[in-house]
Protein backbone atom coordinates (compact mmCIF):
# COMPACT_ATOMS: atom_id res chain seq x y z
CA MET A 1 0.00 0.00 0.00
CA THR A 2 1.26 3.47 -0.94
CA PRO A 3 -0.96 6.32 0.32
CA THR A 4 -1.46 9.31 -1.96
CA ASN A 5 0.98 11.93 -0.70
CA ARG A 6 0.11 15.45 0.36
CA ALA A 7 0.96 16.95 -3.01
CA GLY A 8 -1.47 14.48 -4.60
CA TRP A 9 -4.50 15.98 -2.85
CA GLY A 10 -3.28 19.59 -2.93
CA ALA A 11 -2.34 20.10 0.73
CA LYS A 12 -0.97 23.36 2.04
CA ALA A 13 2.31 23.13 3.95
CA PRO A 14 1.87 22.67 7.72
CA ARG A 15 2.54 25.70 9.90
CA TRP A 16 4.62 23.45 12.17
CA THR A 17 4.97 19.78 13.11
CA THR A 18 5.50 17.99 16.41
CA LYS A 19 7.46 14.77 16.18
CA HIS A 20 5.92 11.58 17.48
CA LYS A 21 7.52 8.99 19.68
CA LYS A 22 7.33 5.45 18.33
CA PRO A 23 5.90 2.93 18.23
CA ILE A 24 2.33 4.07 18.91
CA SER A 25 -0.22 1.88 20.68
CA GLU A 26 -3.53 3.66 19.98
CA ILE A 27 -5.43 4.23 16.72
CA PHE A 28 -8.47 6.49 16.67
CA ILE A 29 -10.99 6.37 13.84
CA HIS A 30 -12.80 9.57 12.87
CA HIS A 31 -15.01 10.67 10.00
CA GLY A 32 -15.35 13.99 8.26
CA GLY A 33 -19.05 14.23 9.06
CA THR A 34 -19.98 15.66 5.66
CA THR A 35 -21.56 13.65 2.84
CA LEU A 36 -19.47 13.29 -0.30
CA ALA A 37 -21.14 14.30 -3.56
CA ASN A 38 -19.48 11.27 -5.16
CA ASP A 39 -16.61 8.88 -4.44
CA THR A 40 -14.21 10.04 -7.14
CA TYR A 41 -10.63 11.04 -6.43
CA PRO A 42 -11.31 14.77 -7.16
CA ALA A 43 -14.24 14.79 -4.71
CA GLU A 44 -12.18 13.15 -1.97
CA ALA A 45 -9.23 15.48 -2.53
CA ALA A 46 -11.54 18.49 -2.40
CA ALA A 47 -13.02 17.23 0.88
CA LEU A 48 -9.53 16.90 2.37
CA ARG A 49 -8.66 20.45 1.37
CA GLY A 50 -11.89 21.54 3.03
CA TYR A 51 -10.94 19.73 6.24
CA GLN A 52 -7.51 21.32 6.18
CA ASN A 53 -8.86 24.83 5.63
CA PHE A 54 -11.36 24.35 8.47
CA HIS A 55 -8.69 23.17 10.89
CA ARG A 56 -6.21 25.85 9.91
CA GLY A 57 -9.02 28.39 10.38
CA LYS A 58 -9.03 27.36 14.05
CA GLY A 59 -5.36 28.28 14.29
CA TRP A 60 -4.18 24.67 14.21
CA ALA A 61 -0.90 23.67 12.62
CA ASP A 62 -2.44 21.56 9.88
CA ILE A 63 -5.25 19.16 9.06
CA ALA A 64 -5.71 17.29 12.33
CA TYR A 65 -5.58 13.68 11.13
CA SER A 66 -2.70 11.34 10.30
CA PHE A 67 -4.26 9.60 7.28
CA ALA A 68 -7.57 9.50 5.42
CA VAL A 69 -9.53 6.72 3.71
CA GLY A 70 -12.38 7.18 1.23
CA VAL A 71 -15.67 5.91 2.68
CA ALA A 72 -16.61 4.02 -0.50
CA SER A 73 -13.44 3.90 -2.60
CA GLY A 74 -10.99 2.81 0.08
CA ARG A 75 -8.35 5.19 -1.31
CA VAL A 76 -5.72 6.10 1.27
CA TYR A 77 -4.22 9.57 1.68
CA GLU A 78 -1.27 10.85 3.71
CA LEU A 79 -2.23 13.79 5.94
CA ARG A 80 0.16 14.50 8.86
CA GLY A 81 1.65 11.08 8.14
CA TRP A 82 3.97 8.79 10.07
CA GLY A 83 6.18 10.27 12.74
CA ASN A 84 4.09 13.40 13.32
CA ARG A 85 1.67 13.92 16.19
CA PRO A 86 -1.99 14.32 15.16
CA GLY A 87 -4.34 16.88 16.67
CA ALA A 88 -7.70 15.17 16.31
CA THR A 89 -8.21 13.36 19.63
CA ARG A 90 -7.72 15.66 22.60
CA GLY A 91 -5.91 14.01 25.47
CA HIS A 92 -4.67 11.14 23.30
CA ASN A 93 -2.62 12.76 20.55
CA LYS A 94 0.74 12.02 22.20
CA ASN A 95 0.30 8.28 21.83
CA SER A 96 -1.98 7.78 18.85
CA TYR A 97 -2.52 8.09 15.14
CA ALA A 98 -5.83 9.42 13.81
CA ILE A 99 -7.42 7.97 10.67
CA VAL A 100 -10.35 9.87 9.19
CA ILE A 101 -12.94 8.33 6.90
CA ILE A 102 -13.75 10.85 4.15
CA GLY A 103 -17.52 11.27 4.26
CA ASP A 104 -20.29 10.68 6.79
CA THR A 105 -20.38 7.01 7.78
CA THR A 106 -23.83 7.31 9.31
CA LYS A 107 -25.37 8.55 6.06
CA GLN A 108 -22.89 6.71 3.80
CA PRO A 109 -22.21 3.08 4.83
CA ILE A 110 -18.50 2.35 4.95
CA SER A 111 -17.44 -0.11 2.24
CA GLN A 112 -15.49 -3.31 2.78
CA ALA A 113 -12.74 -1.74 0.65
CA ALA A 114 -12.44 1.10 3.16
CA VAL A 115 -12.42 -1.25 6.15
CA ASP A 116 -9.71 -3.35 4.49
CA ALA A 117 -7.71 -0.23 3.65
CA VAL A 118 -7.70 0.92 7.28
CA ARG A 119 -6.53 -2.50 8.40
CA GLU A 120 -3.78 -2.60 5.76
CA LEU A 121 -2.66 0.91 6.70
CA ILE A 122 -2.28 -0.16 10.32
CA GLU A 123 -0.38 -3.25 9.17
CA LEU A 124 1.94 -0.98 7.19
CA GLY A 125 2.54 1.11 10.32
CA GLN A 126 3.46 -2.05 12.19
CA LYS A 127 5.79 -3.17 9.41
CA ILE A 128 7.77 0.07 9.46
CA GLY A 129 7.89 0.20 13.26
CA ARG A 130 5.44 3.06 13.83
CA ILE A 131 2.67 1.00 15.49
CA THR A 132 2.90 -1.67 18.19
CA ALA A 133 2.09 -5.32 17.57
CA ASP A 134 -1.27 -5.15 19.37
CA PRO A 135 -2.68 -1.61 19.08
CA THR A 136 -5.96 -0.47 20.59
CA ILE A 137 -8.40 0.69 17.90
CA LYS A 138 -11.15 3.01 19.08
CA GLY A 139 -13.70 5.41 17.69
CA HIS A 140 -13.56 9.10 18.57
CA ARG A 141 -16.85 8.64 20.46
CA ASP A 142 -15.09 6.30 22.89
CA VAL A 143 -13.26 9.24 24.44
CA LYS A 144 -15.55 12.19 23.70
CA ALA A 145 -19.29 12.92 23.60
CA THR A 146 -19.60 12.88 19.80
CA ALA A 147 -21.20 10.80 17.04
CA CYS A 148 -17.80 10.51 15.34
CA PRO A 149 -16.74 8.28 13.54
CA GLY A 150 -20.31 7.62 12.42
CA ASP A 151 -22.38 4.49 12.90
CA SER A 152 -21.14 2.21 10.13
CA ALA A 153 -17.44 2.90 10.75
CA TYR A 154 -17.91 2.36 14.48
CA ALA A 155 -19.66 -0.95 13.83
CA HIS A 156 -16.62 -2.20 11.88
CA LEU A 157 -13.84 -1.22 14.28
CA ALA A 158 -13.03 -4.83 15.15
CA GLU A 159 -12.51 -5.66 11.46
CA MET A 160 -9.96 -2.85 11.18
CA SER A 161 -7.58 -4.61 13.55
CA PRO A 162 -4.64 -6.43 11.92
CA ASN A 163 -5.27 -9.23 14.41
CA ALA A 164 -8.86 -9.75 13.27
CA VAL A 165 -9.73 -12.80 11.21
CA VAL A 166 -12.21 -11.37 8.74
CA ARG A 167 -13.79 -13.79 6.28
CA PRO A 168 -17.16 -13.37 4.58
CA HIS A 169 -19.74 -15.97 5.55
CA PRO A 170 -19.84 -18.55 2.73
CA SER A 171 -23.51 -17.91 2.09
CA THR A 172 -22.78 -14.27 1.24
CA VAL A 173 -20.17 -15.07 -1.43
CA PRO A 174 -21.58 -15.79 -4.91
CA PRO A 175 -19.90 -18.69 -6.72
CA TYR A 176 -17.39 -17.93 -9.47
CA VAL A 177 -18.81 -18.79 -12.90
CA LYS A 178 -16.80 -16.73 -15.38
CA ALA A 179 -14.54 -13.71 -15.47
CA LEU A 180 -16.21 -10.37 -14.85
CA ARG A 181 -15.06 -7.73 -17.32
CA LEU A 182 -16.19 -4.55 -19.07
CA ARG A 183 -18.08 -5.38 -22.23
CA ARG A 184 -21.26 -4.72 -24.17
CA PRO A 185 -23.86 -5.71 -23.28
CA ARG A 186 -22.87 -4.94 -19.69
CA MET A 187 -22.49 -7.85 -17.30
CA ARG A 188 -25.15 -7.76 -14.59
CA GLY A 189 -26.39 -9.62 -11.54
CA VAL A 190 -25.69 -10.68 -7.97
CA PHE A 191 -22.02 -11.43 -8.61
CA VAL A 192 -21.50 -7.93 -10.06
CA ARG A 193 -23.22 -6.35 -7.05
CA TRP A 194 -21.07 -8.38 -4.63
CA VAL A 195 -17.84 -7.34 -6.39
CA GLN A 196 -18.95 -3.70 -6.41
CA GLY A 197 -19.55 -3.85 -2.67
CA LYS A 198 -16.12 -5.36 -2.05
CA VAL A 199 -14.21 -2.77 -4.10
CA GLY A 200 -16.22 0.28 -3.05
CA ALA A 201 -18.09 0.92 -6.29
CA LYS A 202 -21.76 1.87 -6.52
CA ALA A 203 -23.58 -1.43 -6.00
CA ASP A 204 -26.10 -1.17 -8.85
CA GLY A 205 -25.44 -4.65 -10.26
CA VAL A 206 -24.19 -3.34 -13.61
CA PHE A 207 -20.48 -3.65 -14.42
CA GLY A 208 -19.63 -0.37 -16.17
CA PRO A 209 -16.51 1.82 -16.51
CA LEU A 210 -16.68 3.12 -12.93
CA SER A 211 -16.88 -0.43 -11.59
CA ARG A 212 -13.89 -1.46 -13.67
CA ALA A 213 -11.91 1.54 -12.38
CA ALA A 214 -12.78 0.59 -8.78
CA VAL A 215 -11.64 -2.99 -9.44
CA GLN A 216 -8.36 -1.69 -10.92
CA GLN A 217 -7.75 0.49 -7.86
CA TRP A 218 -8.49 -2.43 -5.54
CA GLN A 219 -6.22 -4.77 -7.53
CA PHE A 220 -3.39 -2.23 -7.49
CA SER A 221 -3.68 -1.71 -3.73
CA HIS A 222 -3.59 -5.48 -3.18
CA GLY A 223 -0.55 -6.21 -5.36
CA LEU A 224 -2.49 -7.74 -8.25
CA ILE A 225 -2.35 -6.97 -11.98
CA ALA A 226 -4.65 -3.96 -12.29
CA ASP A 227 -6.52 -4.99 -15.44
CA GLY A 228 -10.03 -4.38 -14.09
CA ILE A 229 -11.02 -8.01 -14.75
CA VAL A 230 -12.33 -10.16 -11.91
CA GLY A 231 -10.84 -13.53 -12.81
CA ARG A 232 -10.23 -16.44 -10.45
CA LYS A 233 -7.17 -14.86 -8.83
CA THR A 234 -8.92 -11.58 -8.06
CA TYR A 235 -12.04 -13.46 -6.94
CA LYS A 236 -10.01 -15.48 -4.41
CA ALA A 237 -8.31 -12.31 -3.17
CA LEU A 238 -11.71 -10.62 -2.71
CA ILE A 239 -12.87 -13.53 -0.58
CA GLY A 240 -9.67 -13.26 1.46
């Protein structure tokens, strides 16, 4: 996993940074609390710039969070990043990283792609020595009277842990029949809808260009050939 860097979403330079001790033992999940117009990269980047401007308007050094993940797309963005103290969870910033879900996870259900992305981001932090082997993962509401990080994100906190064993129930996984690809007439049905849900695309049951792009992004983030085709290898990876 390689998060989109600050230049990629158009961040302003921080006013200052405070270095973090390592490794960190707490992860706090937040959400932006505003509904995204759509789940495209430009919409997510614009939302992040809005968060940054709002936080800087309070006199803060920078956008308050460490990283961000798209609520539907599962795209990952660097905000304050590794090694810098966040400013999003008062009383806990010295020993935590803050991950914000871009969007409102009460109004917009968090996708499996986003849940997986959070877990993989934490695993990356462990791999590079920034996060302990058994971190505590909490929602912002666990330490403050707030609805943050929204209902659907809060309901999936356990699945965000690198130590969680997350496998779909067999009855929820459609059988593989043939490769899913972009073509005319469009491929449709339950299998298409299941794949869309896994990769964070709009689950309308029709495999169009946006669905293919979401599959490509998911494949790329999982070390697969990003051809946008759900063959047997991608299908097995989606199951986990």
